[in-house]
Amino acid sequence: ELHYVSLVPRLPPEHRDQLVVWDVEVTPRGIVFSAGNKIMRWDGTSFTIWPLPEARQASSQIISDAVYIAHPETGLWKLEGDHRVLAVPFDPLIKRVPCFLEPLGGDAFLAVTNSDLARIDGSKMTLLPGNCGNFIRENLVSSACVLDDHTLAIGTYRRGVVLVDARGDILRVVDRASGLPNPCVNGLFLDRE
């Protein structure tokens, strides 16, 4: 039988404020919660908490054994084991935050940002030359999913899904005109078929 148990009483009182959890990841070391002002890991007994400056939201993604947290005020964090590392610092001049990562090998990633498509090599982010930037900026990224080696589906809150190639060029838009019942896409995943 399913039984709900709140973990809020297990949080220290000073960490119960502004408790809006945006993403949850299951790791071998515990459950990681990404909130706008902290990263929290529950190990089954207690929380480990890494405070962050306040932000509207913070999304996360698990890749191998590491959790990557996109925090709009500080940048892209990597939580590996007990260590939190700022992998890609936020640059206030370009104001791009990676929202979704696809590993390319080593510490290289294809990144969907809040405003375009980029490649991350170590801590350096380079914009890709494609034409999807305006679509992403105007329609607010909600999610992304790799369909095959050359196509990325990017979900948006305003206009459905845009399919882009590895350069970031738009291949197709899937929206109401294509038969999508609602232009707000909250999440994407690839099924087995």
Protein backbone atom coordinates (compact mmCIF):
# COMPACT_ATOMS: atom_id res chain seq x y z
CA GLU A 1 0.00 0.00 0.00
CA LEU A 2 1.26 3.45 -0.93
CA HIS A 3 1.89 5.75 2.03
CA TYR A 4 2.98 9.40 1.72
CA VAL A 5 5.67 10.61 4.11
CA SER A 6 6.79 14.23 4.01
CA LEU A 7 10.52 14.89 4.32
CA VAL A 8 10.01 18.56 5.26
CA PRO A 9 10.22 17.83 9.03
CA ARG A 10 13.67 16.28 8.37
CA LEU A 11 14.99 19.53 6.89
CA PRO A 12 16.72 21.91 9.28
CA PRO A 13 14.29 24.82 9.98
CA GLU A 14 16.57 27.35 8.27
CA HIS A 15 16.24 25.40 4.99
CA ARG A 16 12.45 25.15 4.88
CA ASP A 17 12.01 28.61 3.38
CA GLN A 18 11.36 29.09 -0.33
CA LEU A 19 11.10 25.34 -0.74
CA VAL A 20 10.05 25.03 -4.37
CA VAL A 21 11.51 21.83 -5.81
CA TRP A 22 11.88 21.84 -9.60
CA ASP A 23 13.52 18.48 -10.28
CA VAL A 24 14.30 15.24 -8.50
CA GLU A 25 17.04 12.77 -9.45
CA VAL A 26 17.67 9.30 -8.01
CA THR A 27 21.36 8.47 -7.53
CA PRO A 28 23.26 5.65 -5.79
CA ARG A 29 24.08 8.09 -2.95
CA GLY A 30 20.52 9.29 -2.43
CA ILE A 31 17.73 11.41 -3.88
CA VAL A 32 18.76 14.85 -5.15
CA PHE A 33 16.22 17.69 -5.05
CA SER A 34 16.89 20.84 -7.09
CA ALA A 35 15.25 23.92 -5.62
CA GLY A 36 15.59 27.58 -6.56
CA ASN A 37 17.86 28.32 -3.60
CA LYS A 38 19.51 25.01 -2.73
CA ILE A 39 20.52 21.54 -3.78
CA MET A 40 19.45 18.87 -1.29
CA ARG A 41 20.36 15.19 -1.12
CA TRP A 42 18.39 12.77 1.04
CA ASP A 43 20.38 9.62 1.87
CA GLY A 44 17.50 7.84 3.64
CA THR A 45 18.47 9.21 7.04
CA SER A 46 19.40 12.87 6.67
CA PHE A 47 19.82 15.72 4.19
CA THR A 48 23.03 17.18 2.83
CA ILE A 49 22.32 20.73 1.68
CA TRP A 50 24.30 22.99 -0.65
CA PRO A 51 22.85 26.54 -0.53
CA LEU A 52 22.57 28.64 -3.71
CA PRO A 53 21.52 32.25 -4.31
CA GLU A 54 17.76 32.62 -4.82
CA ALA A 55 16.55 31.94 -8.39
CA ARG A 56 13.19 31.44 -10.14
CA GLN A 57 13.92 27.80 -10.78
CA ALA A 58 16.66 25.20 -11.01
CA SER A 59 16.45 22.18 -13.27
CA SER A 60 18.55 19.05 -13.04
CA GLN A 61 19.60 16.08 -15.10
CA ILE A 62 21.51 12.92 -14.26
CA ILE A 63 24.33 11.84 -16.57
CA SER A 64 26.31 8.75 -15.59
CA ASP A 65 26.75 9.11 -11.82
CA ALA A 66 26.71 12.91 -11.74
CA VAL A 67 23.78 15.28 -11.33
CA TYR A 68 23.94 18.52 -13.33
CA ILE A 69 21.92 21.45 -11.97
CA ALA A 70 21.14 24.46 -14.15
CA HIS A 71 20.86 27.46 -11.83
CA PRO A 72 19.94 30.73 -13.61
CA GLU A 73 21.86 32.98 -11.20
CA THR A 74 25.15 31.10 -10.94
CA GLY A 75 25.46 28.67 -13.87
CA LEU A 76 25.70 24.92 -14.36
CA TRP A 77 26.63 22.90 -11.27
CA LYS A 78 27.89 19.33 -11.19
CA LEU A 79 27.17 17.23 -8.12
CA GLU A 80 29.43 14.19 -8.06
CA GLY A 81 29.65 12.19 -4.87
CA ASP A 82 29.83 14.71 -2.02
CA HIS A 83 31.30 17.49 -4.15
CA ARG A 84 29.46 20.35 -5.80
CA VAL A 85 31.46 22.02 -8.58
CA LEU A 86 30.53 25.01 -10.71
CA ALA A 87 31.06 23.40 -14.14
CA VAL A 88 30.04 26.38 -16.31
CA PRO A 89 29.81 29.75 -14.53
CA PHE A 90 26.95 32.09 -15.45
CA ASP A 91 28.16 34.90 -17.71
CA PRO A 92 26.06 38.05 -17.07
CA LEU A 93 27.06 39.45 -20.47
CA ILE A 94 25.49 36.64 -22.51
CA LYS A 95 22.91 35.45 -19.92
CA ARG A 96 22.78 31.85 -21.19
CA VAL A 97 22.06 28.95 -18.86
CA PRO A 98 22.25 25.34 -20.07
CA CYS A 99 18.83 23.72 -19.52
CA PHE A 100 19.46 20.29 -21.11
CA LEU A 101 22.69 18.41 -21.78
CA GLU A 102 23.51 15.62 -24.19
CA PRO A 103 26.95 14.02 -23.61
CA LEU A 104 29.32 14.11 -26.58
CA GLY A 105 32.25 12.41 -24.84
CA GLY A 106 34.64 13.48 -22.09
CA ASP A 107 33.44 16.80 -20.65
CA ALA A 108 31.85 17.88 -23.95
CA PHE A 109 28.09 18.33 -24.21
CA LEU A 110 25.49 19.55 -26.63
CA ALA A 111 23.49 22.07 -24.57
CA VAL A 112 20.04 23.54 -25.04
CA THR A 113 20.22 26.90 -23.28
CA ASN A 114 17.49 29.36 -22.36
CA SER A 115 18.15 31.16 -25.65
CA ASP A 116 19.82 28.85 -28.21
CA LEU A 117 21.90 25.73 -28.82
CA ALA A 118 25.53 25.53 -27.70
CA ARG A 119 28.45 23.17 -27.22
CA ILE A 120 30.14 22.90 -23.84
CA ASP A 121 33.79 21.86 -23.65
CA GLY A 122 34.93 21.80 -20.03
CA SER A 123 33.77 25.17 -18.66
CA LYS A 124 33.60 26.91 -22.06
CA MET A 125 30.27 27.33 -23.85
CA THR A 126 30.25 28.06 -27.61
CA LEU A 127 27.09 28.94 -29.51
CA LEU A 128 26.18 26.78 -32.49
CA PRO A 129 25.52 28.55 -35.81
CA GLY A 130 21.94 27.28 -36.35
CA ASN A 131 18.75 29.31 -36.68
CA CYS A 132 16.76 27.95 -33.69
CA GLY A 133 17.73 30.76 -31.28
CA ASN A 134 14.76 33.06 -31.95
CA PHE A 135 12.29 30.18 -31.62
CA ILE A 136 13.82 29.11 -28.28
CA ARG A 137 13.93 32.68 -26.89
CA GLU A 138 10.33 33.44 -27.91
CA ASN A 139 8.76 30.18 -26.72
CA LEU A 140 10.56 29.28 -23.44
CA VAL A 141 12.29 25.89 -23.26
CA SER A 142 10.60 23.31 -21.03
CA SER A 143 12.44 20.12 -21.97
CA ALA A 144 14.55 18.38 -24.60
CA CYS A 145 15.13 14.87 -25.86
CA VAL A 146 17.58 13.37 -28.36
CA LEU A 147 15.71 11.45 -31.06
CA ASP A 148 18.72 10.05 -32.94
CA ASP A 149 22.32 11.01 -33.69
CA HIS A 150 21.27 14.05 -35.69
CA THR A 151 17.93 15.29 -34.31
CA LEU A 152 17.03 16.98 -31.05
CA ALA A 153 13.43 17.64 -29.96
CA ILE A 154 13.05 20.78 -27.83
CA GLY A 155 9.78 21.25 -25.93
CA THR A 156 8.48 24.74 -25.22
CA TYR A 157 5.82 26.28 -23.02
CA ARG A 158 4.34 28.38 -25.85
CA ARG A 159 4.63 26.67 -29.22
CA GLY A 160 4.96 22.92 -28.95
CA VAL A 161 8.11 21.12 -30.06
CA VAL A 162 10.84 22.20 -32.43
CA LEU A 163 13.04 19.56 -34.09
CA VAL A 164 16.59 20.76 -34.75
CA ASP A 165 19.70 19.23 -36.29
CA ALA A 166 23.18 19.04 -34.74
CA ARG A 167 24.02 22.59 -35.95
CA GLY A 168 20.88 24.02 -34.34
CA ASP A 169 18.93 24.53 -37.57
CA ILE A 170 15.15 24.05 -37.40
CA LEU A 171 13.97 20.94 -39.24
CA ARG A 172 10.30 21.06 -38.23
CA VAL A 173 7.89 22.59 -35.74
CA VAL A 174 5.27 20.32 -34.15
CA ASP A 175 2.46 22.59 -32.90
CA ARG A 176 -1.33 22.94 -33.10
CA ALA A 177 -1.14 23.16 -36.89
CA SER A 178 0.57 19.73 -36.86
CA GLY A 179 -2.11 18.25 -34.59
CA LEU A 180 -0.61 18.85 -31.15
CA PRO A 181 -3.61 19.43 -28.86
CA ASN A 182 -1.86 21.97 -26.62
CA PRO A 183 1.16 24.21 -27.39
CA CYS A 184 2.46 23.87 -23.80
CA VAL A 185 4.87 20.91 -23.59
CA ASN A 186 5.92 20.14 -20.02
CA GLY A 187 8.24 17.23 -20.75
CA LEU A 188 9.64 14.97 -23.46
CA PHE A 189 11.04 11.46 -23.44
CA LEU A 190 11.87 8.86 -26.05
CA ASP A 191 9.92 5.61 -25.84
CA ARG A 192 11.26 2.24 -26.97
CA GLU A 193 9.45 2.31 -30.32
